[in-house]
């Protein structure tokens, strides 16, 4: 299993209300917290997109005619699995609230 799938296990894929003070606590600024979460969600989205494309390419059949298109059950199952995963924003918010994300301010020296 990939790291993303492991992190997504046990998460409710439905959107839930969040206490704004929980999001503000790590950074002191709601906008900064949302920016961090959105950047991590974009990273997760790109990783998931790359992973599903790589897996689906294994089953790709390159034909010249449209009549030869067939349903591939493995492709359908892979697609359904990824559709059931929580949204990358939900995963990123969960990581942020658990303190698993690291970030730095632009212009700050690495410590």
PDB file of N, CA and C in Angstrom:
ATOM      1  N   UNK A   1       0.832  -1.192   0.000  1.00  0.00           N
ATOM      2  CA  UNK A   1       0.000   0.000   0.000  1.00  0.00           C
ATOM      3  C   UNK A   1       0.870   1.246   0.000  1.00  0.00           C
ATOM      4  N   UNK A   2       0.381   2.236  -0.700  1.00  0.00           N
ATOM      5  CA  UNK A   2       1.137   3.477  -0.716  1.00  0.00           C
ATOM      6  C   UNK A   2       0.864   4.268   0.550  1.00  0.00           C
ATOM      7  N   UNK A   3       1.690   5.250   0.755  1.00  0.00           N
ATOM      8  CA  UNK A   3       1.575   6.092   1.944  1.00  0.00           C
ATOM      9  C   UNK A   3       0.208   6.786   2.006  1.00  0.00           C
ATOM     10  N   UNK A   4      -0.292   7.222   0.872  1.00  0.00           N
ATOM     11  CA  UNK A   4      -1.573   7.931   0.839  1.00  0.00           C
ATOM     12  C   UNK A   4      -2.710   6.998   1.245  1.00  0.00           C
ATOM     13  N   UNK A   5      -2.682   5.777   0.742  1.00  0.00           N
ATOM     14  CA  UNK A   5      -3.735   4.824   1.091  1.00  0.00           C
ATOM     15  C   UNK A   5      -3.712   4.518   2.584  1.00  0.00           C
ATOM     16  N   UNK A   6      -2.523   4.422   3.153  1.00  0.00           N
ATOM     17  CA  UNK A   6      -2.400   4.156   4.588  1.00  0.00           C
ATOM     18  C   UNK A   6      -2.981   5.315   5.391  1.00  0.00           C
ATOM     19  N   UNK A   7      -2.678   6.541   4.970  1.00  0.00           N
ATOM     20  CA  UNK A   7      -3.191   7.718   5.674  1.00  0.00           C
ATOM     21  C   UNK A   7      -4.699   7.854   5.524  1.00  0.00           C
ATOM     22  N   UNK A   8      -5.233   7.377   4.420  1.00  0.00           N
ATOM     23  CA  UNK A   8      -6.667   7.508   4.162  1.00  0.00           C
ATOM     24  C   UNK A   8      -7.487   6.459   4.900  1.00  0.00           C
ATOM     25  N   UNK A   9      -6.846   5.400   5.350  1.00  0.00           N
ATOM     26  CA  UNK A   9      -7.587   4.363   6.061  1.00  0.00           C
ATOM     27  C   UNK A   9      -8.127   4.918   7.372  1.00  0.00           C
ATOM     28  N   UNK A  10      -9.362   4.617   7.621  1.00  0.00           N
ATOM     29  CA  UNK A  10      -9.986   5.056   8.864  1.00  0.00           C
ATOM     30  C   UNK A  10     -10.545   6.465   8.819  1.00  0.00           C
ATOM     31  N   UNK A  11     -10.296   7.198   7.736  1.00  0.00           N
ATOM     32  CA  UNK A  11     -10.857   8.548   7.606  1.00  0.00           C
ATOM     33  C   UNK A  11     -12.252   8.460   6.992  1.00  0.00           C
ATOM     34  N   UNK A  12     -13.142   9.270   7.503  1.00  0.00           N
ATOM     35  CA  UNK A  12     -14.480   9.356   6.937  1.00  0.00           C
ATOM     36  C   UNK A  12     -14.381  10.158   5.641  1.00  0.00           C
ATOM     37  N   UNK A  13     -14.799   9.599   4.500  1.00  0.00           N
ATOM     38  CA  UNK A  13     -14.675  10.325   3.234  1.00  0.00           C
ATOM     39  C   UNK A  13     -15.639  11.498   3.094  1.00  0.00           C
ATOM     40  N   UNK A  14     -16.555  11.644   4.042  1.00  0.00           N
ATOM     41  CA  UNK A  14     -17.516  12.747   3.980  1.00  0.00           C
ATOM     42  C   UNK A  14     -16.950  13.988   4.658  1.00  0.00           C
ATOM     43  N   UNK A  15     -17.325  15.128   4.142  1.00  0.00           N
ATOM     44  CA  UNK A  15     -16.886  16.398   4.708  1.00  0.00           C
ATOM     45  C   UNK A  15     -17.552  16.590   6.070  1.00  0.00           C
ATOM     46  N   UNK A  16     -16.761  17.031   7.048  1.00  0.00           N
ATOM     47  CA  UNK A  16     -17.286  17.274   8.386  1.00  0.00           C
ATOM     48  C   UNK A  16     -16.955  18.702   8.800  1.00  0.00           C
ATOM     49  N   UNK A  17     -17.804  19.286   9.627  1.00  0.00           N
ATOM     50  CA  UNK A  17     -17.486  20.635  10.112  1.00  0.00           C
ATOM     51  C   UNK A  17     -16.254  20.591  11.011  1.00  0.00           C
ATOM     52  N   UNK A  18     -15.456  21.638  10.965  1.00  0.00           N
ATOM     53  CA  UNK A  18     -14.241  21.743  11.780  1.00  0.00           C
ATOM     54  C   UNK A  18     -14.313  22.990  12.639  1.00  0.00           C
ATOM     55  N   UNK A  19     -13.745  22.893  13.806  1.00  0.00           N
ATOM     56  CA  UNK A  19     -13.639  24.040  14.691  1.00  0.00           C
ATOM     57  C   UNK A  19     -12.500  24.921  14.184  1.00  0.00           C
ATOM     58  N   UNK A  20     -12.815  26.165  13.873  1.00  0.00           N
ATOM     59  CA  UNK A  20     -11.819  27.074  13.308  1.00  0.00           C
ATOM     60  C   UNK A  20     -10.648  27.274  14.260  1.00  0.00           C
ATOM     61  N   UNK A  21     -10.900  27.262  15.559  1.00  0.00           N
ATOM     62  CA  UNK A  21      -9.801  27.466  16.509  1.00  0.00           C
ATOM     63  C   UNK A  21      -8.776  26.328  16.439  1.00  0.00           C
ATOM     64  N   UNK A  22      -9.217  25.122  16.070  1.00  0.00           N
ATOM     65  CA  UNK A  22      -8.275  24.013  15.878  1.00  0.00           C
ATOM     66  C   UNK A  22      -7.331  24.292  14.710  1.00  0.00           C
ATOM     67  N   UNK A  23      -7.861  24.901  13.664  1.00  0.00           N
ATOM     68  CA  UNK A  23      -7.041  25.196  12.495  1.00  0.00           C
ATOM     69  C   UNK A  23      -6.096  26.365  12.735  1.00  0.00           C
ATOM     70  N   UNK A  24      -6.503  27.290  13.594  1.00  0.00           N
ATOM     71  CA  UNK A  24      -5.700  28.487  13.850  1.00  0.00           C
ATOM     72  C   UNK A  24      -4.540  28.182  14.801  1.00  0.00           C
ATOM     73  N   UNK A  25      -4.721  27.255  15.717  1.00  0.00           N
ATOM     74  CA  UNK A  25      -3.744  27.000  16.770  1.00  0.00           C
ATOM     75  C   UNK A  25      -2.319  26.761  16.267  1.00  0.00           C
ATOM     76  N   UNK A  26      -2.075  25.887  15.283  1.00  0.00           N
ATOM     77  CA  UNK A  26      -0.683  25.631  14.885  1.00  0.00           C
ATOM     78  C   UNK A  26       0.045  26.828  14.276  1.00  0.00           C
ATOM     79  N   UNK A  27      -0.671  27.695  13.572  1.00  0.00           N
ATOM     80  CA  UNK A  27      -0.011  28.795  12.867  1.00  0.00           C
ATOM     81  C   UNK A  27      -0.314  30.166  13.445  1.00  0.00           C
ATOM     82  N   UNK A  28      -1.442  30.295  14.127  1.00  0.00           N
ATOM     83  CA  UNK A  28      -1.846  31.597  14.636  1.00  0.00           C
ATOM     84  C   UNK A  28      -2.620  32.424  13.624  1.00  0.00           C
ATOM     85  N   UNK A  29      -2.858  31.853  12.435  1.00  0.00           N
ATOM     86  CA  UNK A  29      -3.523  32.590  11.371  1.00  0.00           C
ATOM     87  C   UNK A  29      -4.325  31.595  10.524  1.00  0.00           C
ATOM     88  N   UNK A  30      -5.621  31.836  10.383  1.00  0.00           N
ATOM     89  CA  UNK A  30      -6.475  30.915   9.632  1.00  0.00           C
ATOM     90  C   UNK A  30      -6.074  30.850   8.166  1.00  0.00           C
ATOM     91  N   UNK A  31      -5.678  31.962   7.589  1.00  0.00           N
ATOM     92  CA  UNK A  31      -5.318  31.987   6.173  1.00  0.00           C
ATOM     93  C   UNK A  31      -4.042  31.196   5.916  1.00  0.00           C
ATOM     94  N   UNK A  32      -3.109  31.299   6.819  1.00  0.00           N
ATOM     95  CA  UNK A  32      -1.864  30.546   6.707  1.00  0.00           C
ATOM     96  C   UNK A  32      -2.150  29.045   6.822  1.00  0.00           C
ATOM     97  N   UNK A  33      -3.015  28.683   7.763  1.00  0.00           N
ATOM     98  CA  UNK A  33      -3.378  27.273   7.939  1.00  0.00           C
ATOM     99  C   UNK A  33      -4.043  26.724   6.681  1.00  0.00           C
ATOM    100  N   UNK A  34      -4.962  27.488   6.112  1.00  0.00           N
ATOM    101  CA  UNK A  34      -5.672  27.044   4.907  1.00  0.00           C
ATOM    102  C   UNK A  34      -4.701  26.937   3.732  1.00  0.00           C
ATOM    103  N   UNK A  35      -3.747  27.850   3.634  1.00  0.00           N
ATOM    104  CA  UNK A  35      -2.757  27.789   2.552  1.00  0.00           C
ATOM    105  C   UNK A  35      -1.906  26.528   2.679  1.00  0.00           C
ATOM    106  N   UNK A  36      -1.507  26.192   3.894  1.00  0.00           N
ATOM    107  CA  UNK A  36      -0.704  24.986   4.125  1.00  0.00           C
ATOM    108  C   UNK A  36      -1.505  23.741   3.755  1.00  0.00           C
ATOM    109  N   UNK A  37      -2.743  23.689   4.195  1.00  0.00           N
ATOM    110  CA  UNK A  37      -3.598  22.534   3.901  1.00  0.00           C
ATOM    111  C   UNK A  37      -3.840  22.411   2.400  1.00  0.00           C
ATOM    112  N   UNK A  38      -4.083  23.531   1.722  1.00  0.00           N
ATOM    113  CA  UNK A  38      -4.370  23.472   0.290  1.00  0.00           C
ATOM    114  C   UNK A  38      -3.144  23.046  -0.511  1.00  0.00           C
ATOM    115  N   UNK A  39      -1.959  23.478  -0.093  1.00  0.00           N
ATOM    116  CA  UNK A  39      -0.743  23.051  -0.794  1.00  0.00           C
ATOM    117  C   UNK A  39      -0.505  21.556  -0.607  1.00  0.00           C
ATOM    118  N   UNK A  40      -0.746  21.060   0.590  1.00  0.00           N
ATOM    119  CA  UNK A  40      -0.584  19.620   0.829  1.00  0.00           C
ATOM    120  C   UNK A  40      -1.643  18.833   0.049  1.00  0.00           C
ATOM    121  N   UNK A  41      -2.866  19.342  -0.018  1.00  0.00           N
ATOM    122  CA  UNK A  41      -3.920  18.666  -0.780  1.00  0.00           C
ATOM    123  C   UNK A  41      -3.546  18.593  -2.263  1.00  0.00           C
ATOM    124  N   UNK A  42      -2.938  19.635  -2.793  1.00  0.00           N
ATOM    125  CA  UNK A  42      -2.500  19.622  -4.192  1.00  0.00           C
ATOM    126  C   UNK A  42      -1.408  18.566  -4.400  1.00  0.00           C
ATOM    127  N   UNK A  43      -0.489  18.445  -3.434  1.00  0.00           N
ATOM    128  CA  UNK A  43       0.545  17.407  -3.528  1.00  0.00           C
ATOM    129  C   UNK A  43      -0.082  16.014  -3.532  1.00  0.00           C
ATOM    130  N   UNK A  44      -1.009  15.781  -2.616  1.00  0.00           N
ATOM    131  CA  UNK A  44      -1.676  14.483  -2.536  1.00  0.00           C
ATOM    132  C   UNK A  44      -2.445  14.191  -3.818  1.00  0.00           C
ATOM    133  N   UNK A  45      -3.118  15.190  -4.347  1.00  0.00           N
ATOM    134  CA  UNK A  45      -3.885  15.022  -5.574  1.00  0.00           C
ATOM    135  C   UNK A  45      -2.979  14.613  -6.728  1.00  0.00           C
ATOM    136  N   UNK A  46      -1.832  15.266  -6.859  1.00  0.00           N
ATOM    137  CA  UNK A  46      -0.890  14.920  -7.926  1.00  0.00           C
ATOM    138  C   UNK A  46      -0.354  13.505  -7.758  1.00  0.00           C
ATOM    139  N   UNK A  47      -0.036  13.112  -6.532  1.00  0.00           N
ATOM    140  CA  UNK A  47       0.457  11.762  -6.281  1.00  0.00           C
ATOM    141  C   UNK A  47      -0.602  10.719  -6.625  1.00  0.00           C
ATOM    142  N   UNK A  48      -1.847  10.955  -6.214  1.00  0.00           N
ATOM    143  CA  UNK A  48      -2.927  10.020  -6.517  1.00  0.00           C
ATOM    144  C   UNK A  48      -3.183   9.925  -8.018  1.00  0.00           C
ATOM    145  N   UNK A  49      -3.149  11.059  -8.688  1.00  0.00           N
ATOM    146  CA  UNK A  49      -3.385  11.083 -10.128  1.00  0.00           C
ATOM    147  C   UNK A  49      -2.307  10.282 -10.852  1.00  0.00           C
ATOM    148  N   UNK A  50      -1.060  10.487 -10.472  1.00  0.00           N
ATOM    149  CA  UNK A  50       0.043   9.765 -11.089  1.00  0.00           C
ATOM    150  C   UNK A  50      -0.088   8.264 -10.831  1.00  0.00           C
ATOM    151  N   UNK A  51      -0.432   7.908  -9.605  1.00  0.00           N
ATOM    152  CA  UNK A  51      -0.543   6.506  -9.222  1.00  0.00           C
ATOM    153  C   UNK A  51      -1.660   5.792  -9.984  1.00  0.00           C
ATOM    154  N   UNK A  52      -2.822   6.425 -10.091  1.00  0.00           N
ATOM    155  CA  UNK A  52      -3.934   5.773 -10.790  1.00  0.00           C
ATOM    156  C   UNK A  52      -3.642   5.671 -12.284  1.00  0.00           C
ATOM    157  N   UNK A  53      -3.000   6.669 -12.866  1.00  0.00           N
ATOM    158  CA  UNK A  53      -2.659   6.594 -14.285  1.00  0.00           C
ATOM    159  C   UNK A  53      -1.678   5.454 -14.539  1.00  0.00           C
ATOM    160  N   UNK A  54      -0.702   5.304 -13.660  1.00  0.00           N
ATOM    161  CA  UNK A  54       0.290   4.243 -13.801  1.00  0.00           C
ATOM    162  C   UNK A  54      -0.378   2.871 -13.712  1.00  0.00           C
ATOM    163  N   UNK A  55      -1.303   2.702 -12.775  1.00  0.00           N
ATOM    164  CA  UNK A  55      -1.981   1.415 -12.615  1.00  0.00           C
ATOM    165  C   UNK A  55      -2.912   1.113 -13.787  1.00  0.00           C
ATOM    166  N   UNK A  56      -3.605   2.128 -14.285  1.00  0.00           N
ATOM    167  CA  UNK A  56      -4.530   1.901 -15.387  1.00  0.00           C
ATOM    168  C   UNK A  56      -3.804   1.647 -16.703  1.00  0.00           C
ATOM    169  N   UNK A  57      -2.597   2.186 -16.854  1.00  0.00           N
ATOM    170  CA  UNK A  57      -1.826   1.950 -18.068  1.00  0.00           C
ATOM    171  C   UNK A  57      -1.431   0.485 -18.213  1.00  0.00           C
ATOM    172  N   UNK A  58      -1.324  -0.221 -17.108  1.00  0.00           N
ATOM    173  CA  UNK A  58      -0.991  -1.637 -17.166  1.00  0.00           C
ATOM    174  C   UNK A  58      -2.057  -2.431 -17.912  1.00  0.00           C
ATOM    175  N   UNK A  59      -3.299  -1.959 -17.858  1.00  0.00           N
ATOM    176  CA  UNK A  59      -4.410  -2.667 -18.488  1.00  0.00           C
ATOM    177  C   UNK A  59      -4.820  -2.058 -19.821  1.00  0.00           C
ATOM    178  N   UNK A  60      -4.136  -1.012 -20.246  1.00  0.00           N
ATOM    179  CA  UNK A  60      -4.524  -0.316 -21.470  1.00  0.00           C
ATOM    180  C   UNK A  60      -4.299  -1.211 -22.685  1.00  0.00           C
ATOM    181  N   UNK A  61      -5.271  -1.178 -23.581  1.00  0.00           N
ATOM    182  CA  UNK A  61      -5.181  -1.902 -24.839  1.00  0.00           C
ATOM    183  C   UNK A  61      -5.163  -0.858 -25.932  1.00  0.00           C
ATOM    184  N   UNK A  62      -4.106  -0.865 -26.717  1.00  0.00           N
ATOM    185  CA  UNK A  62      -3.971   0.132 -27.774  1.00  0.00           C
ATOM    186  C   UNK A  62      -4.468  -0.469 -29.088  1.00  0.00           C
ATOM    187  N   UNK A  63      -5.662  -0.048 -29.477  1.00  0.00           N
ATOM    188  CA  UNK A  63      -6.256  -0.533 -30.729  1.00  0.00           C
ATOM    189  C   UNK A  63      -6.584   0.642 -31.618  1.00  0.00           C
ATOM    190  N   UNK A  64      -6.813   0.328 -32.870  1.00  0.00           N
ATOM    191  CA  UNK A  64      -7.090   1.374 -33.852  1.00  0.00           C
ATOM    192  C   UNK A  64      -8.577   1.666 -34.033  1.00  0.00           C
ATOM    193  N   UNK A  65      -9.424   0.761 -33.639  1.00  0.00           N
ATOM    194  CA  UNK A  65     -10.846   0.971 -33.879  1.00  0.00           C
ATOM    195  C   UNK A  65     -11.611   1.102 -32.571  1.00  0.00           C
ATOM    196  N   UNK A  66     -12.660   1.863 -32.623  1.00  0.00           N
ATOM    197  CA  UNK A  66     -13.488   2.092 -31.448  1.00  0.00           C
ATOM    198  C   UNK A  66     -14.321   0.850 -31.130  1.00  0.00           C
ATOM    199  N   UNK A  67     -14.647   0.053 -32.144  1.00  0.00           N
ATOM    200  CA  UNK A  67     -15.486  -1.121 -31.926  1.00  0.00           C
ATOM    201  C   UNK A  67     -14.826  -2.140 -30.995  1.00  0.00           C
ATOM    202  N   UNK A  68     -13.512  -2.105 -30.898  1.00  0.00           N
ATOM    203  CA  UNK A  68     -12.797  -3.100 -30.103  1.00  0.00           C
ATOM    204  C   UNK A  68     -12.634  -2.714 -28.636  1.00  0.00           C
ATOM    205  N   UNK A  69     -13.268  -1.630 -28.211  1.00  0.00           N
ATOM    206  CA  UNK A  69     -13.165  -1.205 -26.818  1.00  0.00           C
ATOM    207  C   UNK A  69     -13.918  -2.207 -25.952  1.00  0.00           C
ATOM    208  N   UNK A  70     -13.241  -2.672 -24.915  1.00  0.00           N
ATOM    209  CA  UNK A  70     -13.839  -3.658 -24.029  1.00  0.00           C
ATOM    210  C   UNK A  70     -13.817  -3.131 -22.606  1.00  0.00           C
ATOM    211  N   UNK A  71     -14.741  -3.633 -21.818  1.00  0.00           N
ATOM    212  CA  UNK A  71     -14.718  -3.297 -20.403  1.00  0.00           C
ATOM    213  C   UNK A  71     -13.718  -4.211 -19.717  1.00  0.00           C
ATOM    214  N   UNK A  72     -12.853  -3.623 -18.931  1.00  0.00           N
ATOM    215  CA  UNK A  72     -11.869  -4.402 -18.199  1.00  0.00           C
ATOM    216  C   UNK A  72     -12.235  -4.308 -16.722  1.00  0.00           C
ATOM    217  N   UNK A  73     -12.569  -5.419 -16.119  1.00  0.00           N
ATOM    218  CA  UNK A  73     -13.028  -5.434 -14.737  1.00  0.00           C
ATOM    219  C   UNK A  73     -11.959  -4.935 -13.761  1.00  0.00           C
ATOM    220  N   UNK A  74     -10.694  -5.220 -14.051  1.00  0.00           N
ATOM    221  CA  UNK A  74      -9.616  -4.752 -13.172  1.00  0.00           C
ATOM    222  C   UNK A  74      -9.534  -3.228 -13.175  1.00  0.00           C
ATOM    223  N   UNK A  75      -9.668  -2.638 -14.353  1.00  0.00           N
ATOM    224  CA  UNK A  75      -9.652  -1.180 -14.453  1.00  0.00           C
ATOM    225  C   UNK A  75     -10.814  -0.573 -13.686  1.00  0.00           C
ATOM    226  N   UNK A  76     -11.965  -1.186 -13.800  1.00  0.00           N
ATOM    227  CA  UNK A  76     -13.150  -0.675 -13.117  1.00  0.00           C
ATOM    228  C   UNK A  76     -12.969  -0.754 -11.612  1.00  0.00           C
ATOM    229  N   UNK A  77     -12.424  -1.857 -11.111  1.00  0.00           N
ATOM    230  CA  UNK A  77     -12.202  -2.013  -9.667  1.00  0.00           C
ATOM    231  C   UNK A  77     -11.177  -1.016  -9.148  1.00  0.00           C
ATOM    232  N   UNK A  78     -10.105  -0.793  -9.900  1.00  0.00           N
ATOM    233  CA  UNK A  78      -9.098   0.190  -9.494  1.00  0.00           C
ATOM    234  C   UNK A  78      -9.716   1.576  -9.436  1.00  0.00           C
ATOM    235  N   UNK A  79     -10.493   1.928 -10.446  1.00  0.00           N
ATOM    236  CA  UNK A  79     -11.136   3.241 -10.472  1.00  0.00           C
ATOM    237  C   UNK A  79     -12.096   3.414  -9.306  1.00  0.00           C
ATOM    238  N   UNK A  80     -12.864   2.384  -9.022  1.00  0.00           N
ATOM    239  CA  UNK A  80     -13.806   2.464  -7.898  1.00  0.00           C
ATOM    240  C   UNK A  80     -13.081   2.619  -6.574  1.00  0.00           C
ATOM    241  N   UNK A  81     -11.958   1.918  -6.410  1.00  0.00           N
ATOM    242  CA  UNK A  81     -11.199   2.043  -5.168  1.00  0.00           C
ATOM    243  C   UNK A  81     -10.750   3.485  -4.957  1.00  0.00           C
ATOM    244  N   UNK A  82     -10.204   4.109  -6.001  1.00  0.00           N
ATOM    245  CA  UNK A  82      -9.732   5.479  -5.873  1.00  0.00           C
ATOM    246  C   UNK A  82     -10.878   6.476  -5.706  1.00  0.00           C
ATOM    247  N   UNK A  83     -12.035   6.164  -6.260  1.00  0.00           N
ATOM    248  CA  UNK A  83     -13.195   7.033  -6.083  1.00  0.00           C
ATOM    249  C   UNK A  83     -13.684   7.022  -4.639  1.00  0.00           C
ATOM    250  N   UNK A  84     -13.498   5.901  -3.949  1.00  0.00           N
ATOM    251  CA  UNK A  84     -13.950   5.787  -2.566  1.00  0.00           C
ATOM    252  C   UNK A  84     -12.985   6.410  -1.564  1.00  0.00           C
ATOM    253  N   UNK A  85     -11.772   6.717  -1.986  1.00  0.00           N
ATOM    254  CA  UNK A  85     -10.816   7.357  -1.072  1.00  0.00           C
ATOM    255  C   UNK A  85     -11.318   8.748  -0.693  1.00  0.00           C
ATOM    256  N   UNK A  86     -10.979   9.206   0.501  1.00  0.00           N
ATOM    257  CA  UNK A  86     -11.361  10.571   0.876  1.00  0.00           C
ATOM    258  C   UNK A  86     -10.694  11.593  -0.048  1.00  0.00           C
ATOM    259  N   UNK A  87     -11.344  12.717  -0.175  1.00  0.00           N
ATOM    260  CA  UNK A  87     -10.809  13.828  -0.946  1.00  0.00           C
ATOM    261  C   UNK A  87      -9.432  14.208  -0.404  1.00  0.00           C
ATOM    262  N   UNK A  88      -8.471  14.583  -1.262  1.00  0.00           N
ATOM    263  CA  UNK A  88      -7.152  14.988  -0.768  1.00  0.00           C
ATOM    264  C   UNK A  88      -7.203  16.117   0.264  1.00  0.00           C
ATOM    265  N   UNK A  89      -8.188  17.003   0.170  1.00  0.00           N
ATOM    266  CA  UNK A  89      -8.313  18.079   1.155  1.00  0.00           C
ATOM    267  C   UNK A  89      -8.663  17.522   2.533  1.00  0.00           C
ATOM    268  N   UNK A  90      -9.451  16.464   2.583  1.00  0.00           N
ATOM    269  CA  UNK A  90      -9.807  15.847   3.859  1.00  0.00           C
ATOM    270  C   UNK A  90      -8.573  15.182   4.471  1.00  0.00           C
ATOM    271  N   UNK A  91      -7.790  14.494   3.640  1.00  0.00           N
ATOM    272  CA  UNK A  91      -6.564  13.855   4.125  1.00  0.00           C
ATOM    273  C   UNK A  91      -5.585  14.909   4.622  1.00  0.00           C
ATOM    274  N   UNK A  92      -5.411  15.995   3.858  1.00  0.00           N
ATOM    275  CA  UNK A  92      -4.476  17.059   4.236  1.00  0.00           C
ATOM    276  C   UNK A  92      -4.906  17.739   5.530  1.00  0.00           C
ATOM    277  N   UNK A  93      -6.187  17.977   5.702  1.00  0.00           N
ATOM    278  CA  UNK A  93      -6.684  18.593   6.938  1.00  0.00           C
ATOM    279  C   UNK A  93      -6.424  17.682   8.126  1.00  0.00           C
ATOM    280  N   UNK A  94      -6.642  16.405   7.941  1.00  0.00           N
ATOM    281  CA  UNK A  94      -6.383  15.436   9.008  1.00  0.00           C
ATOM    282  C   UNK A  94      -4.903  15.429   9.385  1.00  0.00           C
ATOM    283  N   UNK A  95      -4.032  15.424   8.392  1.00  0.00           N
ATOM    284  CA  UNK A  95      -2.588  15.475   8.661  1.00  0.00           C
ATOM    285  C   UNK A  95      -2.212  16.750   9.410  1.00  0.00           C
ATOM    286  N   UNK A  96      -2.788  17.859   8.995  1.00  0.00           N
ATOM    287  CA  UNK A  96      -2.483  19.145   9.625  1.00  0.00           C
ATOM    288  C   UNK A  96      -2.906  19.153  11.091  1.00  0.00           C
ATOM    289  N   UNK A  97      -4.108  18.667  11.360  1.00  0.00           N
ATOM    290  CA  UNK A  97      -4.619  18.669  12.735  1.00  0.00           C
ATOM    291  C   UNK A  97      -3.871  17.688  13.635  1.00  0.00           C
ATOM    292  N   UNK A  98      -3.312  16.623  13.051  1.00  0.00           N
ATOM    293  CA  UNK A  98      -2.521  15.675  13.838  1.00  0.00           C
ATOM    294  C   UNK A  98      -1.073  16.129  14.000  1.00  0.00           C
ATOM    295  N   UNK A  99      -0.703  17.236  13.363  1.00  0.00           N
ATOM    296  CA  UNK A  99       0.653  17.766  13.484  1.00  0.00           C
ATOM    297  C   UNK A  99       1.682  17.028  12.646  1.00  0.00           C
ATOM    298  N   UNK A 100       1.249  16.391  11.572  1.00  0.00           N
ATOM    299  CA  UNK A 100       2.144  15.616  10.727  1.00  0.00           C
ATOM    300  C   UNK A 100       2.778  16.433   9.606  1.00  0.00           C
ATOM    301  N   UNK A 101       2.334  17.661   9.394  1.00  0.00           N
ATOM    302  CA  UNK A 101       2.873  18.487   8.318  1.00  0.00           C
ATOM    303  C   UNK A 101       3.939  19.427   8.843  1.00  0.00           C
ATOM    304  N   UNK A 102       4.954  19.623   8.034  1.00  0.00           N
ATOM    305  CA  UNK A 102       5.988  20.604   8.354  1.00  0.00           C
ATOM    306  C   UNK A 102       5.929  21.686   7.284  1.00  0.00           C
ATOM    307  N   UNK A 103       6.141  22.917   7.696  1.00  0.00           N
ATOM    308  CA  UNK A 103       6.145  24.028   6.758  1.00  0.00           C
ATOM    309  C   UNK A 103       7.119  25.071   7.259  1.00  0.00           C
ATOM    310  N   UNK A 104       7.457  25.954   6.350  1.00  0.00           N
ATOM    311  CA  UNK A 104       8.336  27.070   6.732  1.00  0.00           C
ATOM    312  C   UNK A 104       7.877  28.319   5.997  1.00  0.00           C
ATOM    313  N   UNK A 105       8.171  29.440   6.601  1.00  0.00           N
ATOM    314  CA  UNK A 105       7.809  30.719   6.004  1.00  0.00           C
ATOM    315  C   UNK A 105       8.783  31.048   4.875  1.00  0.00           C
ATOM    316  N   UNK A 106       8.298  31.626   3.798  1.00  0.00           N
ATOM    317  CA  UNK A 106       9.217  32.059   2.747  1.00  0.00           C
ATOM    318  C   UNK A 106      10.227  33.065   3.292  1.00  0.00           C
ATOM    319  N   UNK A 107      11.463  32.879   2.949  1.00  0.00           N
ATOM    320  CA  UNK A 107      12.503  33.792   3.417  1.00  0.00           C
ATOM    321  C   UNK A 107      13.138  33.395   4.728  1.00  0.00           C
ATOM    322  N   UNK A 108      12.575  32.414   5.419  1.00  0.00           N
ATOM    323  CA  UNK A 108      13.169  31.953   6.672  1.00  0.00           C
ATOM    324  C   UNK A 108      14.309  30.992   6.374  1.00  0.00           C
ATOM    325  N   UNK A 109      15.341  31.036   7.183  1.00  0.00           N
ATOM    326  CA  UNK A 109      16.461  30.121   7.035  1.00  0.00           C
ATOM    327  C   UNK A 109      16.061  28.749   7.551  1.00  0.00           C
ATOM    328  N   UNK A 110      16.575  27.707   6.904  1.00  0.00           N
ATOM    329  CA  UNK A 110      16.305  26.344   7.384  1.00  0.00           C
ATOM    330  C   UNK A 110      17.012  26.122   8.701  1.00  0.00           C
ATOM    331  N   UNK A 111      16.310  25.450   9.596  1.00  0.00           N
ATOM    332  CA  UNK A 111      16.887  25.196  10.909  1.00  0.00           C
ATOM    333  C   UNK A 111      17.325  23.770  11.040  1.00  0.00           C
TER     334      UNK A 111
END
